[in-house]
Every structure is written in structure tokens, then in C-alpha cells.
Amino acid sequence: MGVPKRKVAHARKMDRRSHHALTLPTLVDCTHCHEPKLPYRVCPSCGWYNGRQAVDLKPAGGSAGEENA
């Protein structure tokens, strides 16, 4: 297994890691409900995409008895 001969300097280490920064995802407004969503994806709050209802969303909540029925 390779072992470094010398300690890596802070400047060299940070220069190597300069491309590791995280970026926030780009959000756009839904044309139907105006909630923020990822571009080119179905709106998670209303289920619309490209001017039409793409996904029928189930109502949130419910009791545990309905899941087993």
C-alpha cells in the first residue's frame, strides 16, 4: 500500500478540493400551483407537468386502519 513521503500542504489540499463544493438545486415555479419544484419534473404538490395532470396524488394523512384494508 502506498504511503506518502511527506505531509500534503494545506494550500495543495485545498486547491485539490476546490471543485468539491456543493450547489443548491435550481428551482422553478409550477405553472399550475406556483409552488417551487425541480425543472422538467412533475410538481410534487399538485401533480401537473407540461400543462396537464400527469400524476393523480393521493390525499395526505389517513389512519393506520385504512392502509391495511
N, C-alpha and C. Protein backbone atom coordinates (compact mmCIF):
# COMPACT_ATOMS: atom_id res chain seq x y z
N MET A 1 0.84 -1.18 0.00
CA MET A 1 0.00 0.00 0.00
C MET A 1 0.88 1.24 0.00
N GLY A 2 0.52 2.22 -0.81
CA GLY A 2 1.33 3.42 -0.90
C GLY A 2 1.20 4.30 0.32
N VAL A 3 2.34 4.84 0.75
CA VAL A 3 2.38 5.74 1.89
C VAL A 3 3.04 7.03 1.44
N PRO A 4 2.42 8.21 1.72
CA PRO A 4 3.03 9.46 1.29
C PRO A 4 4.34 9.72 2.03
N LYS A 5 5.34 10.22 1.29
CA LYS A 5 6.63 10.51 1.91
C LYS A 5 6.57 11.76 2.77
N ARG A 6 5.75 12.74 2.35
CA ARG A 6 5.69 14.00 3.09
C ARG A 6 4.24 14.40 3.30
N LYS A 7 4.06 15.25 4.28
CA LYS A 7 2.73 15.79 4.58
C LYS A 7 2.27 16.68 3.42
N VAL A 8 1.00 16.57 3.06
CA VAL A 8 0.45 17.42 2.00
C VAL A 8 0.14 18.79 2.60
N ALA A 9 0.63 19.83 1.94
CA ALA A 9 0.44 21.19 2.44
C ALA A 9 -1.04 21.58 2.39
N HIS A 10 -1.41 22.50 3.28
CA HIS A 10 -2.81 22.95 3.32
C HIS A 10 -3.24 23.56 2.00
N ALA A 11 -2.37 24.36 1.39
CA ALA A 11 -2.72 25.01 0.12
C ALA A 11 -2.94 23.97 -0.97
N ARG A 12 -2.10 22.94 -1.03
CA ARG A 12 -2.26 21.92 -2.06
C ARG A 12 -3.53 21.11 -1.81
N LYS A 13 -3.83 20.82 -0.56
CA LYS A 13 -5.03 20.07 -0.22
C LYS A 13 -6.28 20.86 -0.59
N MET A 14 -6.31 22.13 -0.25
CA MET A 14 -7.49 22.94 -0.54
C MET A 14 -7.61 23.23 -2.03
N ASP A 15 -6.47 23.32 -2.74
CA ASP A 15 -6.52 23.51 -4.18
C ASP A 15 -7.12 22.27 -4.86
N ARG A 16 -6.80 21.10 -4.36
CA ARG A 16 -7.34 19.87 -4.93
C ARG A 16 -8.85 19.77 -4.66
N ARG A 17 -9.27 20.24 -3.50
CA ARG A 17 -10.69 20.14 -3.12
C ARG A 17 -11.52 21.33 -3.59
N SER A 18 -10.96 22.20 -4.41
CA SER A 18 -11.68 23.40 -4.83
C SER A 18 -12.89 23.08 -5.70
N HIS A 19 -12.94 21.89 -6.30
CA HIS A 19 -14.05 21.52 -7.16
C HIS A 19 -15.07 20.64 -6.44
N HIS A 20 -14.95 20.48 -5.15
CA HIS A 20 -15.85 19.61 -4.39
C HIS A 20 -17.04 20.35 -3.79
N ALA A 21 -17.19 21.62 -4.08
CA ALA A 21 -18.25 22.41 -3.47
C ALA A 21 -19.62 21.92 -3.93
N LEU A 22 -20.59 21.94 -3.03
CA LEU A 22 -21.96 21.56 -3.35
C LEU A 22 -22.72 22.79 -3.83
N THR A 23 -23.66 22.57 -4.74
CA THR A 23 -24.50 23.66 -5.22
C THR A 23 -25.96 23.35 -4.90
N LEU A 24 -26.72 24.37 -4.67
CA LEU A 24 -28.14 24.20 -4.40
C LEU A 24 -28.87 23.87 -5.69
N PRO A 25 -29.91 23.03 -5.62
CA PRO A 25 -30.64 22.71 -6.84
C PRO A 25 -31.42 23.93 -7.33
N THR A 26 -31.55 24.04 -8.65
CA THR A 26 -32.31 25.12 -9.26
C THR A 26 -33.79 24.81 -9.14
N LEU A 27 -34.56 25.75 -8.66
CA LEU A 27 -35.99 25.57 -8.50
C LEU A 27 -36.72 26.54 -9.43
N VAL A 28 -37.85 26.09 -9.98
CA VAL A 28 -38.72 26.92 -10.79
C VAL A 28 -40.12 26.86 -10.20
N ASP A 29 -40.94 27.83 -10.53
CA ASP A 29 -42.32 27.84 -10.05
C ASP A 29 -43.19 26.96 -10.93
N CYS A 30 -44.06 26.19 -10.32
CA CYS A 30 -45.04 25.39 -11.04
C CYS A 30 -46.01 26.34 -11.74
N THR A 31 -46.33 26.06 -12.99
CA THR A 31 -47.24 26.95 -13.73
C THR A 31 -48.68 26.80 -13.26
N HIS A 32 -48.98 25.71 -12.56
CA HIS A 32 -50.36 25.48 -12.12
C HIS A 32 -50.60 25.99 -10.70
N CYS A 33 -49.75 25.59 -9.74
CA CYS A 33 -49.98 25.96 -8.34
C CYS A 33 -48.95 26.95 -7.82
N HIS A 34 -47.95 27.30 -8.60
CA HIS A 34 -46.92 28.29 -8.27
C HIS A 34 -46.08 27.89 -7.06
N GLU A 35 -45.97 26.61 -6.78
CA GLU A 35 -45.07 26.11 -5.75
C GLU A 35 -43.70 25.84 -6.38
N PRO A 36 -42.61 25.96 -5.62
CA PRO A 36 -41.30 25.65 -6.19
C PRO A 36 -41.15 24.16 -6.46
N LYS A 37 -40.53 23.82 -7.60
CA LYS A 37 -40.32 22.43 -7.98
C LYS A 37 -39.05 22.34 -8.79
N LEU A 38 -38.52 21.13 -8.96
CA LEU A 38 -37.36 20.93 -9.81
C LEU A 38 -37.78 21.03 -11.26
N PRO A 39 -36.94 21.61 -12.12
CA PRO A 39 -37.32 21.74 -13.53
C PRO A 39 -37.41 20.39 -14.22
N TYR A 40 -38.30 20.29 -15.18
CA TYR A 40 -38.53 19.10 -16.00
C TYR A 40 -38.97 17.90 -15.16
N ARG A 41 -39.70 18.15 -14.08
CA ARG A 41 -40.23 17.08 -13.24
C ARG A 41 -41.66 17.42 -12.85
N VAL A 42 -42.41 16.40 -12.51
CA VAL A 42 -43.80 16.59 -12.09
C VAL A 42 -43.81 17.36 -10.77
N CYS A 43 -44.74 18.28 -10.62
CA CYS A 43 -44.86 19.06 -9.39
C CYS A 43 -45.28 18.13 -8.25
N PRO A 44 -44.53 18.10 -7.15
CA PRO A 44 -44.89 17.20 -6.06
C PRO A 44 -46.12 17.63 -5.28
N SER A 45 -46.54 18.90 -5.41
CA SER A 45 -47.68 19.36 -4.64
C SER A 45 -49.00 19.23 -5.40
N CYS A 46 -48.98 19.35 -6.74
CA CYS A 46 -50.25 19.27 -7.48
C CYS A 46 -50.27 18.16 -8.53
N GLY A 47 -49.11 17.65 -8.93
CA GLY A 47 -49.05 16.55 -9.89
C GLY A 47 -49.14 16.97 -11.35
N TRP A 48 -48.98 18.25 -11.65
CA TRP A 48 -49.07 18.73 -13.02
C TRP A 48 -47.69 18.78 -13.66
N TYR A 49 -47.64 18.53 -14.97
CA TYR A 49 -46.41 18.66 -15.74
C TYR A 49 -46.79 19.01 -17.18
N ASN A 50 -46.13 20.02 -17.72
CA ASN A 50 -46.30 20.42 -19.12
C ASN A 50 -47.75 20.76 -19.45
N GLY A 51 -48.44 21.44 -18.52
CA GLY A 51 -49.79 21.91 -18.78
C GLY A 51 -50.88 20.87 -18.66
N ARG A 52 -50.59 19.71 -18.06
CA ARG A 52 -51.62 18.68 -17.90
C ARG A 52 -51.41 17.96 -16.58
N GLN A 53 -52.47 17.29 -16.13
CA GLN A 53 -52.39 16.48 -14.91
C GLN A 53 -51.66 15.19 -15.24
N ALA A 54 -50.42 15.05 -14.76
CA ALA A 54 -49.59 13.89 -15.10
C ALA A 54 -49.73 12.78 -14.08
N VAL A 55 -49.92 13.13 -12.81
CA VAL A 55 -49.96 12.15 -11.73
C VAL A 55 -51.15 12.48 -10.84
N ASP A 56 -51.93 11.46 -10.49
CA ASP A 56 -53.01 11.64 -9.51
C ASP A 56 -52.41 11.45 -8.13
N LEU A 57 -52.42 12.52 -7.33
CA LEU A 57 -51.83 12.45 -6.00
C LEU A 57 -52.86 11.93 -5.00
N LYS A 58 -52.39 11.10 -4.09
CA LYS A 58 -53.25 10.60 -3.02
C LYS A 58 -53.35 11.67 -1.94
N PRO A 59 -54.49 11.76 -1.25
CA PRO A 59 -54.60 12.76 -0.17
C PRO A 59 -53.64 12.40 0.97
N ALA A 60 -53.05 13.41 1.56
CA ALA A 60 -52.10 13.19 2.65
C ALA A 60 -52.84 12.79 3.92
N GLY A 61 -52.13 12.07 4.78
CA GLY A 61 -52.70 11.68 6.07
C GLY A 61 -53.44 10.36 5.98
N GLY A 62 -54.43 10.23 6.85
CA GLY A 62 -55.18 8.98 6.90
C GLY A 62 -54.81 8.20 8.14
N SER A 63 -55.65 7.25 8.48
CA SER A 63 -55.38 6.45 9.67
C SER A 63 -54.71 5.13 9.27
N ALA A 64 -54.17 4.43 10.27
CA ALA A 64 -53.45 3.18 10.02
C ALA A 64 -54.41 2.08 9.58
N GLY A 65 -55.68 2.18 9.96
CA GLY A 65 -56.66 1.17 9.59
C GLY A 65 -56.96 1.15 8.09
N GLU A 66 -56.84 2.29 7.44
CA GLU A 66 -57.12 2.35 6.00
C GLU A 66 -56.02 1.69 5.17
N GLU A 67 -54.79 1.70 5.67
CA GLU A 67 -53.70 1.12 4.92
C GLU A 67 -53.82 -0.40 4.83
N ASN A 68 -54.30 -1.03 5.89
CA ASN A 68 -54.40 -2.49 5.91
C ASN A 68 -55.67 -3.01 5.27
N ALA A 69 -56.61 -2.13 4.96
CA ALA A 69 -57.90 -2.56 4.42
C ALA A 69 -57.82 -2.93 2.97
